[in-house]
Amino acid sequence: MSLETMRPNPTWDAASYEEAVETLAAYNDDVVYKIWGGDWCKDCRALLPDFGAALEAAAVPDERIEEFSLDQDKQGPGVDEYDIEYIPTIVIENDEGEEITRFVEEEDVPPAVWLAEEIETAPESA
């Protein structure tokens, strides 16, 4: 793994997020998760361990998860191509490389919940 912050949180309770885990699991073979973050970043350290645990609970294959570690200037692979400004940013793409949705830095709910809701309603994910 390129991001230590993506190491799954061992205390994360999958049962509390059953719907989100089921949704992520349902798309295991259909989407790719591209995650930009930095181990130095406070928001990444707060959000990504739980997201890593959600991906693990959903049995998302490693080849469907791409991690990009950014430096403190938020520079690194794919930053310009994907217009990454804030981290963590999680982009979900289909197998054709089309973006379905993205989670940027902070929403009202955890990344796994937010992305699961988005992926279910996105027309591209069907």
Protein backbone atom coordinates (compact mmCIF):
# COMPACT_ATOMS: atom_id res chain seq x y z
CA MET A 1 0.00 0.00 0.00
CA SER A 2 1.20 3.45 -0.82
CA LEU A 3 -0.81 5.15 1.95
CA GLU A 4 -0.39 4.08 5.56
CA THR A 5 -3.66 5.87 6.28
CA MET A 6 -5.50 3.32 4.10
CA ARG A 7 -4.54 0.53 6.49
CA PRO A 8 -7.95 -0.65 7.80
CA ASN A 9 -8.99 0.59 11.22
CA PRO A 10 -9.20 -2.58 13.35
CA THR A 11 -11.90 -1.09 15.57
CA TRP A 12 -14.22 -0.12 12.69
CA ASP A 13 -17.59 -1.83 13.09
CA ALA A 14 -18.83 -3.12 9.72
CA ALA A 15 -22.20 -4.06 11.24
CA SER A 16 -22.87 -0.39 11.91
CA TYR A 17 -22.41 0.33 8.20
CA GLU A 18 -24.05 -2.79 6.78
CA GLU A 19 -25.88 -1.03 3.92
CA ALA A 20 -22.76 0.81 2.75
CA VAL A 21 -20.65 -2.37 2.89
CA GLU A 22 -23.30 -4.32 0.95
CA THR A 23 -23.44 -1.62 -1.73
CA LEU A 24 -19.66 -1.45 -2.08
CA ALA A 25 -19.54 -5.26 -2.28
CA ALA A 26 -22.24 -5.30 -4.98
CA TYR A 27 -19.98 -3.24 -7.26
CA ASN A 28 -16.75 -5.18 -6.55
CA ASP A 29 -16.26 -6.19 -10.18
CA ASP A 30 -17.58 -3.00 -11.75
CA VAL A 31 -15.67 -0.05 -10.34
CA VAL A 32 -12.17 1.15 -9.46
CA TYR A 33 -11.41 3.29 -6.41
CA LYS A 34 -8.70 5.93 -6.91
CA ILE A 35 -7.64 7.47 -3.62
CA TRP A 36 -5.44 10.54 -3.17
CA GLY A 37 -4.15 11.34 0.28
CA GLY A 38 -1.14 11.97 2.45
CA ASP A 39 -0.06 10.24 5.62
CA TRP A 40 0.82 13.71 6.97
CA CYS A 41 -2.76 14.98 6.38
CA LYS A 42 -5.07 15.29 9.41
CA ASP A 43 -8.25 14.71 7.36
CA CYS A 44 -6.72 11.65 5.68
CA ARG A 45 -5.70 10.17 9.04
CA ALA A 46 -9.24 10.76 10.31
CA LEU A 47 -11.17 9.38 7.31
CA LEU A 48 -9.12 6.88 5.35
CA PRO A 49 -8.54 4.12 7.95
CA ASP A 50 -12.31 3.64 8.23
CA PHE A 51 -12.68 3.73 4.44
CA GLY A 52 -9.92 1.12 4.16
CA ALA A 53 -11.83 -1.02 6.66
CA ALA A 54 -15.04 -0.60 4.65
CA LEU A 55 -13.30 -1.71 1.45
CA GLU A 56 -11.87 -4.69 3.32
CA ALA A 57 -15.29 -5.59 4.78
CA ALA A 58 -16.79 -5.37 1.28
CA ALA A 59 -14.00 -7.66 -0.02
CA VAL A 60 -13.04 -5.15 -2.72
CA PRO A 61 -10.16 -6.75 -4.65
CA ASP A 62 -6.76 -5.05 -4.28
CA GLU A 63 -6.54 -4.59 -8.05
CA ARG A 64 -9.64 -2.36 -7.85
CA ILE A 65 -7.99 0.05 -5.38
CA GLU A 66 -5.38 2.58 -6.52
CA GLU A 67 -3.69 4.78 -3.94
CA PHE A 68 -1.76 7.96 -4.65
CA SER A 69 0.39 9.44 -1.93
CA LEU A 70 0.80 13.21 -2.18
CA ASP A 71 3.44 15.41 -0.66
CA GLN A 72 2.66 18.35 1.62
CA ASP A 73 2.26 20.59 -1.44
CA LYS A 74 -0.44 18.13 -2.59
CA GLN A 75 1.63 17.12 -5.57
CA GLY A 76 1.87 13.60 -6.91
CA PRO A 77 0.57 11.19 -9.55
CA GLY A 78 -2.70 12.13 -11.24
CA VAL A 79 -3.16 15.46 -9.41
CA ASP A 80 -3.41 17.53 -12.59
CA GLU A 81 -5.22 14.89 -14.63
CA TYR A 82 -7.93 14.46 -11.97
CA ASP A 83 -7.95 18.08 -10.78
CA ILE A 84 -7.13 17.11 -7.18
CA GLU A 85 -7.21 20.14 -4.90
CA TYR A 86 -8.22 18.77 -1.49
CA ILE A 87 -7.40 15.48 0.19
CA PRO A 88 -8.53 12.93 0.77
CA THR A 89 -10.18 12.65 -2.63
CA ILE A 90 -11.69 9.33 -3.67
CA VAL A 91 -12.74 8.92 -7.30
CA ILE A 92 -14.86 5.98 -8.38
CA GLU A 93 -14.59 5.02 -12.04
CA ASN A 94 -16.19 2.33 -14.14
CA ASP A 95 -14.07 -0.10 -16.18
CA GLU A 96 -14.07 2.31 -19.13
CA GLY A 97 -12.33 4.91 -16.95
CA GLU A 98 -15.38 7.18 -16.73
CA GLU A 99 -15.85 8.93 -13.41
CA ILE A 100 -19.00 7.87 -11.57
CA THR A 101 -18.58 10.01 -8.47
CA ARG A 102 -16.00 11.48 -6.11
CA PHE A 103 -15.69 12.13 -2.41
CA VAL A 104 -13.68 15.27 -1.62
CA GLU A 105 -12.19 15.88 1.82
CA GLU A 106 -15.26 16.28 3.98
CA GLU A 107 -18.93 15.47 3.68
CA ASP A 108 -21.57 15.11 6.37
CA VAL A 109 -21.15 11.32 6.46
CA PRO A 110 -18.13 8.96 6.28
CA PRO A 111 -16.64 8.30 2.81
CA ALA A 112 -17.95 4.72 2.60
CA VAL A 113 -21.53 5.83 3.34
CA TRP A 114 -21.38 8.85 1.04
CA LEU A 115 -19.86 6.90 -1.86
CA ALA A 116 -22.27 3.98 -1.44
CA GLU A 117 -25.22 6.37 -1.67
CA GLU A 118 -23.72 8.10 -4.70
CA ILE A 119 -22.80 4.93 -6.54
CA GLU A 120 -26.33 3.54 -6.17
CA THR A 121 -27.91 6.63 -7.69
CA ALA A 122 -25.31 7.29 -10.40
CA PRO A 123 -26.62 6.48 -13.90
CA GLU A 124 -23.11 5.40 -15.03
CA SER A 125 -22.90 2.62 -12.45
CA ALA A 126 -25.82 0.70 -13.91
